[in-house]
Amino acid sequence: MNAVIGAFEAKTHFSELLERVERGERITITKHGREVAELVPTGGVDFAAARAAVEGIRALSKKLLETDLSWKELRDEGRKH
């Protein structure tokens, strides 16, 4: 569940919001209707998995830059798999 709360309300009820986040809830904080921050449980982001994903993207990018195939050929190859 993701609650959306204005900055003033977040400031006024910060302790309560921390308790909700501690129970697993994600809370988006807005300022003048724009999303500016998100409170998430500390275990909510798997940084090792994120780093591995970035490295995988970098490796794929390097491999694609070294190929002589056009983007259409790469697209068609991807559709075969």
PDB file of N, CA and C in Angstrom:
ATOM      1  N   MET A   1       0.843  -1.181   0.000  1.00  0.00           N
ATOM      2  CA  MET A   1       0.000   0.000   0.000  1.00  0.00           C
ATOM      3  C   MET A   1       0.883   1.237   0.000  1.00  0.00           C
ATOM      4  N   ASN A   2       0.510   2.235  -0.761  1.00  0.00           N
ATOM      5  CA  ASN A   2       1.289   3.461  -0.850  1.00  0.00           C
ATOM      6  C   ASN A   2       0.370   4.642  -0.570  1.00  0.00           C
ATOM      7  N   ALA A   3       0.600   5.300   0.563  1.00  0.00           N
ATOM      8  CA  ALA A   3      -0.186   6.472   0.928  1.00  0.00           C
ATOM      9  C   ALA A   3       0.481   7.716   0.356  1.00  0.00           C
ATOM     10  N   VAL A   4      -0.319   8.733   0.054  1.00  0.00           N
ATOM     11  CA  VAL A   4       0.194  10.011  -0.431  1.00  0.00           C
ATOM     12  C   VAL A   4      -0.209  11.075   0.576  1.00  0.00           C
ATOM     13  N   ILE A   5       0.777  11.832   1.069  1.00  0.00           N
ATOM     14  CA  ILE A   5       0.532  12.790   2.135  1.00  0.00           C
ATOM     15  C   ILE A   5       1.259  14.090   1.802  1.00  0.00           C
ATOM     16  N   GLY A   6       0.601  15.211   2.075  1.00  0.00           N
ATOM     17  CA  GLY A   6       1.217  16.514   1.859  1.00  0.00           C
ATOM     18  C   GLY A   6       2.333  16.768   2.862  1.00  0.00           C
ATOM     19  N   ALA A   7       3.239  17.662   2.508  1.00  0.00           N
ATOM     20  CA  ALA A   7       4.408  17.953   3.339  1.00  0.00           C
ATOM     21  C   ALA A   7       4.016  18.467   4.721  1.00  0.00           C
ATOM     22  N   PHE A   8       3.029  19.347   4.796  1.00  0.00           N
ATOM     23  CA  PHE A   8       2.626  19.883   6.095  1.00  0.00           C
ATOM     24  C   PHE A   8       2.112  18.770   7.005  1.00  0.00           C
ATOM     25  N   GLU A   9       1.254  17.905   6.461  1.00  0.00           N
ATOM     26  CA  GLU A   9       0.734  16.776   7.243  1.00  0.00           C
ATOM     27  C   GLU A   9       1.861  15.831   7.646  1.00  0.00           C
ATOM     28  N   ALA A  10       2.814  15.600   6.740  1.00  0.00           N
ATOM     29  CA  ALA A  10       3.945  14.725   7.052  1.00  0.00           C
ATOM     30  C   ALA A  10       4.760  15.293   8.210  1.00  0.00           C
ATOM     31  N   LYS A  11       4.963  16.600   8.184  1.00  0.00           N
ATOM     32  CA  LYS A  11       5.714  17.263   9.255  1.00  0.00           C
ATOM     33  C   LYS A  11       4.968  17.146  10.579  1.00  0.00           C
ATOM     34  N   THR A  12       3.670  17.332  10.535  1.00  0.00           N
ATOM     35  CA  THR A  12       2.853  17.302  11.740  1.00  0.00           C
ATOM     36  C   THR A  12       2.748  15.909  12.337  1.00  0.00           C
ATOM     37  N   HIS A  13       2.741  14.869  11.500  1.00  0.00           N
ATOM     38  CA  HIS A  13       2.518  13.494  11.968  1.00  0.00           C
ATOM     39  C   HIS A  13       3.710  12.577  11.683  1.00  0.00           C
ATOM     40  N   PHE A  14       4.929  13.140  11.715  1.00  0.00           N
ATOM     41  CA  PHE A  14       6.112  12.393  11.319  1.00  0.00           C
ATOM     42  C   PHE A  14       6.303  11.101  12.114  1.00  0.00           C
ATOM     43  N   SER A  15       6.138  11.160  13.427  1.00  0.00           N
ATOM     44  CA  SER A  15       6.327   9.958  14.254  1.00  0.00           C
ATOM     45  C   SER A  15       5.363   8.853  13.854  1.00  0.00           C
ATOM     46  N   GLU A  16       4.123   9.224  13.615  1.00  0.00           N
ATOM     47  CA  GLU A  16       3.106   8.248  13.192  1.00  0.00           C
ATOM     48  C   GLU A  16       3.478   7.648  11.831  1.00  0.00           C
ATOM     49  N   LEU A  17       3.973   8.494  10.931  1.00  0.00           N
ATOM     50  CA  LEU A  17       4.369   8.011   9.607  1.00  0.00           C
ATOM     51  C   LEU A  17       5.523   7.020   9.716  1.00  0.00           C
ATOM     52  N   LEU A  18       6.477   7.302  10.589  1.00  0.00           N
ATOM     53  CA  LEU A  18       7.586   6.371  10.780  1.00  0.00           C
ATOM     54  C   LEU A  18       7.102   5.017  11.288  1.00  0.00           C
ATOM     55  N   GLU A  19       6.118   5.036  12.171  1.00  0.00           N
ATOM     56  CA  GLU A  19       5.549   3.773  12.667  1.00  0.00           C
ATOM     57  C   GLU A  19       4.896   3.000  11.526  1.00  0.00           C
ATOM     58  N   ARG A  20       4.177   3.704  10.654  1.00  0.00           N
ATOM     59  CA  ARG A  20       3.523   3.037   9.523  1.00  0.00           C
ATOM     60  C   ARG A  20       4.556   2.441   8.575  1.00  0.00           C
ATOM     61  N   VAL A  21       5.628   3.187   8.323  1.00  0.00           N
ATOM     62  CA  VAL A  21       6.695   2.698   7.447  1.00  0.00           C
ATOM     63  C   VAL A  21       7.368   1.488   8.074  1.00  0.00           C
ATOM     64  N   GLU A  22       7.552   1.548   9.373  1.00  0.00           N
ATOM     65  CA  GLU A  22       8.162   0.427  10.081  1.00  0.00           C
ATOM     66  C   GLU A  22       7.351  -0.856   9.914  1.00  0.00           C
ATOM     67  N   ARG A  23       6.042  -0.701   9.745  1.00  0.00           N
ATOM     68  CA  ARG A  23       5.158  -1.859   9.533  1.00  0.00           C
ATOM     69  C   ARG A  23       5.108  -2.280   8.061  1.00  0.00           C
ATOM     70  N   GLY A  24       5.876  -1.580   7.213  1.00  0.00           N
ATOM     71  CA  GLY A  24       5.960  -1.999   5.817  1.00  0.00           C
ATOM     72  C   GLY A  24       5.294  -1.096   4.806  1.00  0.00           C
ATOM     73  N   GLU A  25       4.634  -0.048   5.243  1.00  0.00           N
ATOM     74  CA  GLU A  25       3.926   0.842   4.318  1.00  0.00           C
ATOM     75  C   GLU A  25       4.909   1.805   3.650  1.00  0.00           C
ATOM     76  N   ARG A  26       4.629   2.153   2.424  1.00  0.00           N
ATOM     77  CA  ARG A  26       5.407   3.161   1.696  1.00  0.00           C
ATOM     78  C   ARG A  26       4.565   4.434   1.670  1.00  0.00           C
ATOM     79  N   ILE A  27       5.201   5.570   1.916  1.00  0.00           N
ATOM     80  CA  ILE A  27       4.464   6.830   1.983  1.00  0.00           C
ATOM     81  C   ILE A  27       5.136   7.849   1.076  1.00  0.00           C
ATOM     82  N   THR A  28       4.355   8.398   0.150  1.00  0.00           N
ATOM     83  CA  THR A  28       4.839   9.432  -0.758  1.00  0.00           C
ATOM     84  C   THR A  28       4.466  10.787  -0.171  1.00  0.00           C
ATOM     85  N   ILE A  29       5.432  11.699  -0.150  1.00  0.00           N
ATOM     86  CA  ILE A  29       5.200  13.042   0.375  1.00  0.00           C
ATOM     87  C   ILE A  29       5.173  14.015  -0.798  1.00  0.00           C
ATOM     88  N   THR A  30       4.149  14.858  -0.809  1.00  0.00           N
ATOM     89  CA  THR A  30       3.995  15.827  -1.890  1.00  0.00           C
ATOM     90  C   THR A  30       4.165  17.249  -1.356  1.00  0.00           C
ATOM     91  N   LYS A  31       4.543  18.131  -2.264  1.00  0.00           N
ATOM     92  CA  LYS A  31       4.648  19.553  -1.940  1.00  0.00           C
ATOM     93  C   LYS A  31       4.010  20.304  -3.087  1.00  0.00           C
ATOM     94  N   HIS A  32       2.953  21.020  -2.790  1.00  0.00           N
ATOM     95  CA  HIS A  32       2.187  21.742  -3.814  1.00  0.00           C
ATOM     96  C   HIS A  32       1.717  20.796  -4.919  1.00  0.00           C
ATOM     97  N   GLY A  33       1.316  19.581  -4.508  1.00  0.00           N
ATOM     98  CA  GLY A  33       0.774  18.606  -5.443  1.00  0.00           C
ATOM     99  C   GLY A  33       1.803  17.783  -6.209  1.00  0.00           C
ATOM    100  N   ARG A  34       3.098  18.077  -6.041  1.00  0.00           N
ATOM    101  CA  ARG A  34       4.159  17.331  -6.721  1.00  0.00           C
ATOM    102  C   ARG A  34       4.790  16.339  -5.766  1.00  0.00           C
ATOM    103  N   GLU A  35       5.040  15.125  -6.231  1.00  0.00           N
ATOM    104  CA  GLU A  35       5.727  14.131  -5.416  1.00  0.00           C
ATOM    105  C   GLU A  35       7.176  14.564  -5.261  1.00  0.00           C
ATOM    106  N   VAL A  36       7.631  14.643  -3.992  1.00  0.00           N
ATOM    107  CA  VAL A  36       8.997  15.095  -3.756  1.00  0.00           C
ATOM    108  C   VAL A  36       9.829  14.098  -2.958  1.00  0.00           C
ATOM    109  N   ALA A  37       9.197  13.178  -2.250  1.00  0.00           N
ATOM    110  CA  ALA A  37       9.950  12.220  -1.436  1.00  0.00           C
ATOM    111  C   ALA A  37       9.100  10.994  -1.181  1.00  0.00           C
ATOM    112  N   GLU A  38       9.782   9.938  -0.773  1.00  0.00           N
ATOM    113  CA  GLU A  38       9.069   8.710  -0.418  1.00  0.00           C
ATOM    114  C   GLU A  38       9.729   8.106   0.805  1.00  0.00           C
ATOM    115  N   LEU A  39       8.916   7.781   1.788  1.00  0.00           N
ATOM    116  CA  LEU A  39       9.393   7.070   2.969  1.00  0.00           C
ATOM    117  C   LEU A  39       9.170   5.592   2.714  1.00  0.00           C
ATOM    118  N   VAL A  40      10.239   4.815   2.798  1.00  0.00           N
ATOM    119  CA  VAL A  40      10.149   3.372   2.564  1.00  0.00           C
ATOM    120  C   VAL A  40      10.878   2.641   3.673  1.00  0.00           C
ATOM    121  N   PRO A  41      10.470   1.414   3.968  1.00  0.00           N
ATOM    122  CA  PRO A  41      11.206   0.628   4.953  1.00  0.00           C
ATOM    123  C   PRO A  41      12.644   0.424   4.486  1.00  0.00           C
ATOM    124  N   THR A  42      13.587   0.402   5.416  1.00  0.00           N
ATOM    125  CA  THR A  42      14.995   0.290   5.041  1.00  0.00           C
ATOM    126  C   THR A  42      15.290  -0.983   4.280  1.00  0.00           C
ATOM    127  N   GLY A  43      14.563  -2.039   4.514  1.00  0.00           N
ATOM    128  CA  GLY A  43      14.780  -3.285   3.783  1.00  0.00           C
ATOM    129  C   GLY A  43      14.112  -3.278   2.433  1.00  0.00           C
ATOM    130  N   GLY A  44      13.500  -2.159   2.032  1.00  0.00           N
ATOM    131  CA  GLY A  44      12.733  -2.093   0.807  1.00  0.00           C
ATOM    132  C   GLY A  44      13.553  -2.053  -0.464  1.00  0.00           C
ATOM    133  N   VAL A  45      14.836  -1.726  -0.370  1.00  0.00           N
ATOM    134  CA  VAL A  45      15.667  -1.630  -1.562  1.00  0.00           C
ATOM    135  C   VAL A  45      16.797  -2.648  -1.442  1.00  0.00           C
ATOM    136  N   ASP A  46      16.882  -3.530  -2.411  1.00  0.00           N
ATOM    137  CA  ASP A  46      17.950  -4.517  -2.443  1.00  0.00           C
ATOM    138  C   ASP A  46      19.063  -3.947  -3.311  1.00  0.00           C
ATOM    139  N   PHE A  47      20.018  -3.259  -2.660  1.00  0.00           N
ATOM    140  CA  PHE A  47      21.063  -2.574  -3.399  1.00  0.00           C
ATOM    141  C   PHE A  47      21.964  -3.536  -4.158  1.00  0.00           C
ATOM    142  N   ALA A  48      22.195  -4.720  -3.622  1.00  0.00           N
ATOM    143  CA  ALA A  48      23.023  -5.705  -4.330  1.00  0.00           C
ATOM    144  C   ALA A  48      22.344  -6.109  -5.637  1.00  0.00           C
ATOM    145  N   ALA A  49      21.038  -6.328  -5.588  1.00  0.00           N
ATOM    146  CA  ALA A  49      20.305  -6.697  -6.800  1.00  0.00           C
ATOM    147  C   ALA A  49      20.289  -5.536  -7.793  1.00  0.00           C
ATOM    148  N   ALA A  50      20.159  -4.319  -7.290  1.00  0.00           N
ATOM    149  CA  ALA A  50      20.163  -3.148  -8.172  1.00  0.00           C
ATOM    150  C   ALA A  50      21.515  -3.003  -8.857  1.00  0.00           C
ATOM    151  N   ARG A  51      22.605  -3.188  -8.097  1.00  0.00           N
ATOM    152  CA  ARG A  51      23.942  -3.109  -8.687  1.00  0.00           C
ATOM    153  C   ARG A  51      24.138  -4.194  -9.744  1.00  0.00           C
ATOM    154  N   ALA A  52      23.669  -5.402  -9.448  1.00  0.00           N
ATOM    155  CA  ALA A  52      23.800  -6.506 -10.403  1.00  0.00           C
ATOM    156  C   ALA A  52      23.027  -6.194 -11.680  1.00  0.00           C
ATOM    157  N   ALA A  53      21.851  -5.600 -11.547  1.00  0.00           N
ATOM    158  CA  ALA A  53      21.053  -5.244 -12.721  1.00  0.00           C
ATOM    159  C   ALA A  53      21.772  -4.193 -13.562  1.00  0.00           C
ATOM    160  N   VAL A  54      22.344  -3.201 -12.908  1.00  0.00           N
ATOM    161  CA  VAL A  54      23.085  -2.159 -13.634  1.00  0.00           C
ATOM    162  C   VAL A  54      24.281  -2.768 -14.361  1.00  0.00           C
ATOM    163  N   GLU A  55      25.008  -3.643 -13.695  1.00  0.00           N
ATOM    164  CA  GLU A  55      26.153  -4.284 -14.339  1.00  0.00           C
ATOM    165  C   GLU A  55      25.708  -5.132 -15.530  1.00  0.00           C
ATOM    166  N   GLY A  56      24.575  -5.807 -15.404  1.00  0.00           N
ATOM    167  CA  GLY A  56      24.039  -6.583 -16.520  1.00  0.00           C
ATOM    168  C   GLY A  56      23.690  -5.707 -17.712  1.00  0.00           C
ATOM    169  N   ILE A  57      23.111  -4.548 -17.427  1.00  0.00           N
ATOM    170  CA  ILE A  57      22.764  -3.602 -18.495  1.00  0.00           C
ATOM    171  C   ILE A  57      24.023  -3.069 -19.153  1.00  0.00           C
ATOM    172  N   ARG A  58      25.028  -2.750 -18.345  1.00  0.00           N
ATOM    173  CA  ARG A  58      26.296  -2.258 -18.905  1.00  0.00           C
ATOM    174  C   ARG A  58      26.958  -3.308 -19.794  1.00  0.00           C
ATOM    175  N   ALA A  59      26.953  -4.559 -19.349  1.00  0.00           N
ATOM    176  CA  ALA A  59      27.556  -5.636 -20.137  1.00  0.00           C
ATOM    177  C   ALA A  59      26.812  -5.814 -21.457  1.00  0.00           C
ATOM    178  N   LEU A  60      25.495  -5.792 -21.398  1.00  0.00           N
ATOM    179  CA  LEU A  60      24.698  -5.924 -22.620  1.00  0.00           C
ATOM    180  C   LEU A  60      24.948  -4.748 -23.551  1.00  0.00           C
ATOM    181  N   SER A  61      25.017  -3.551 -22.999  1.00  0.00           N
ATOM    182  CA  SER A  61      25.272  -2.361 -23.806  1.00  0.00           C
ATOM    183  C   SER A  61      26.610  -2.472 -24.517  1.00  0.00           C
ATOM    184  N   LYS A  62      27.633  -2.897 -23.782  1.00  0.00           N
ATOM    185  CA  LYS A  62      28.964  -3.059 -24.382  1.00  0.00           C
ATOM    186  C   LYS A  62      28.926  -4.081 -25.514  1.00  0.00           C
ATOM    187  N   LYS A  63      28.231  -5.198 -25.269  1.00  0.00           N
ATOM    188  CA  LYS A  63      28.120  -6.252 -26.285  1.00  0.00           C
ATOM    189  C   LYS A  63      27.402  -5.726 -27.528  1.00  0.00           C
ATOM    190  N   LEU A  64      26.347  -4.961 -27.327  1.00  0.00           N
ATOM    191  CA  LEU A  64      25.586  -4.431 -28.458  1.00  0.00           C
ATOM    192  C   LEU A  64      26.387  -3.408 -29.252  1.00  0.00           C
ATOM    193  N   LEU A  65      27.216  -2.625 -28.553  1.00  0.00           N
ATOM    194  CA  LEU A  65      28.030  -1.626 -29.249  1.00  0.00           C
ATOM    195  C   LEU A  65      29.126  -2.277 -30.095  1.00  0.00           C
ATOM    196  N   GLU A  66      29.502  -3.490 -29.731  1.00  0.00           N
ATOM    197  CA  GLU A  66      30.562  -4.195 -30.457  1.00  0.00           C
ATOM    198  C   GLU A  66      30.035  -4.994 -31.642  1.00  0.00           C
ATOM    199  N   THR A  67      28.742  -5.040 -31.852  1.00  0.00           N
ATOM    200  CA  THR A  67      28.166  -5.833 -32.935  1.00  0.00           C
ATOM    201  C   THR A  67      28.009  -4.991 -34.200  1.00  0.00           C
ATOM    202  N   ASP A  68      27.958  -5.666 -35.335  1.00  0.00           N
ATOM    203  CA  ASP A  68      27.762  -4.989 -36.610  1.00  0.00           C
ATOM    204  C   ASP A  68      26.288  -4.988 -37.024  1.00  0.00           C
ATOM    205  N   LEU A  69      25.417  -5.528 -36.179  1.00  0.00           N
ATOM    206  CA  LEU A  69      23.996  -5.601 -36.517  1.00  0.00           C
ATOM    207  C   LEU A  69      23.339  -4.237 -36.354  1.00  0.00           C
ATOM    208  N   SER A  70      22.359  -3.962 -37.205  1.00  0.00           N
ATOM    209  CA  SER A  70      21.576  -2.730 -37.060  1.00  0.00           C
ATOM    210  C   SER A  70      20.575  -2.924 -35.923  1.00  0.00           C
ATOM    211  N   TRP A  71      19.962  -1.839 -35.488  1.00  0.00           N
ATOM    212  CA  TRP A  71      18.996  -1.971 -34.399  1.00  0.00           C
ATOM    213  C   TRP A  71      17.807  -2.825 -34.824  1.00  0.00           C
ATOM    214  N   LYS A  72      17.444  -2.785 -36.093  1.00  0.00           N
ATOM    215  CA  LYS A  72      16.328  -3.616 -36.571  1.00  0.00           C
ATOM    216  C   LYS A  72      16.702  -5.096 -36.510  1.00  0.00           C
ATOM    217  N   GLU A  73      17.944  -5.413 -36.896  1.00  0.00           N
ATOM    218  CA  GLU A  73      18.401  -6.803 -36.828  1.00  0.00           C
ATOM    219  C   GLU A  73      18.459  -7.283 -35.373  1.00  0.00           C
ATOM    220  N   LEU A  74      18.920  -6.391 -34.476  1.00  0.00           N
ATOM    221  CA  LEU A  74      18.954  -6.740 -33.053  1.00  0.00           C
ATOM    222  C   LEU A  74      17.538  -6.980 -32.522  1.00  0.00           C
ATOM    223  N   ARG A  75      16.617  -6.121 -32.944  1.00  0.00           N
ATOM    224  CA  ARG A  75      15.223  -6.273 -32.533  1.00  0.00           C
ATOM    225  C   ARG A  75      14.669  -7.616 -33.005  1.00  0.00           C
ATOM    226  N   ASP A  76      14.911  -7.929 -34.250  1.00  0.00           N
ATOM    227  CA  ASP A  76      14.408  -9.174 -34.811  1.00  0.00           C
ATOM    228  C   ASP A  76      15.046 -10.383 -34.130  1.00  0.00           C
ATOM    229  N   GLU A  77      16.333 -10.301 -33.796  1.00  0.00           N
ATOM    230  CA  GLU A  77      17.007 -11.373 -33.070  1.00  0.00           C
ATOM    231  C   GLU A  77      16.362 -11.574 -31.701  1.00  0.00           C
ATOM    232  N   GLY A  78      16.065 -10.460 -31.038  1.00  0.00           N
ATOM    233  CA  GLY A  78      15.439 -10.532 -29.723  1.00  0.00           C
ATOM    234  C   GLY A  78      14.072 -11.161 -29.775  1.00  0.00           C
ATOM    235  N   ARG A  79      13.348 -10.951 -30.851  1.00  0.00           N
ATOM    236  CA  ARG A  79      12.012 -11.543 -30.991  1.00  0.00           C
ATOM    237  C   ARG A  79      12.071 -13.053 -31.188  1.00  0.00           C
ATOM    238  N   LYS A  80      13.201 -13.555 -31.690  1.00  0.00           N
ATOM    239  CA  LYS A  80      13.341 -14.989 -31.907  1.00  0.00           C
ATOM    240  C   LYS A  80      13.483 -15.746 -30.589  1.00  0.00           C
ATOM    241  N   HIS A  81      13.953 -15.055 -29.549  1.00  0.00           N
ATOM    242  CA  HIS A  81      14.250 -15.741 -28.284  1.00  0.00           C
ATOM    243  C   HIS A  81      13.152 -15.557 -27.303  1.00  0.00           C
TER     244      HIS A  81
END
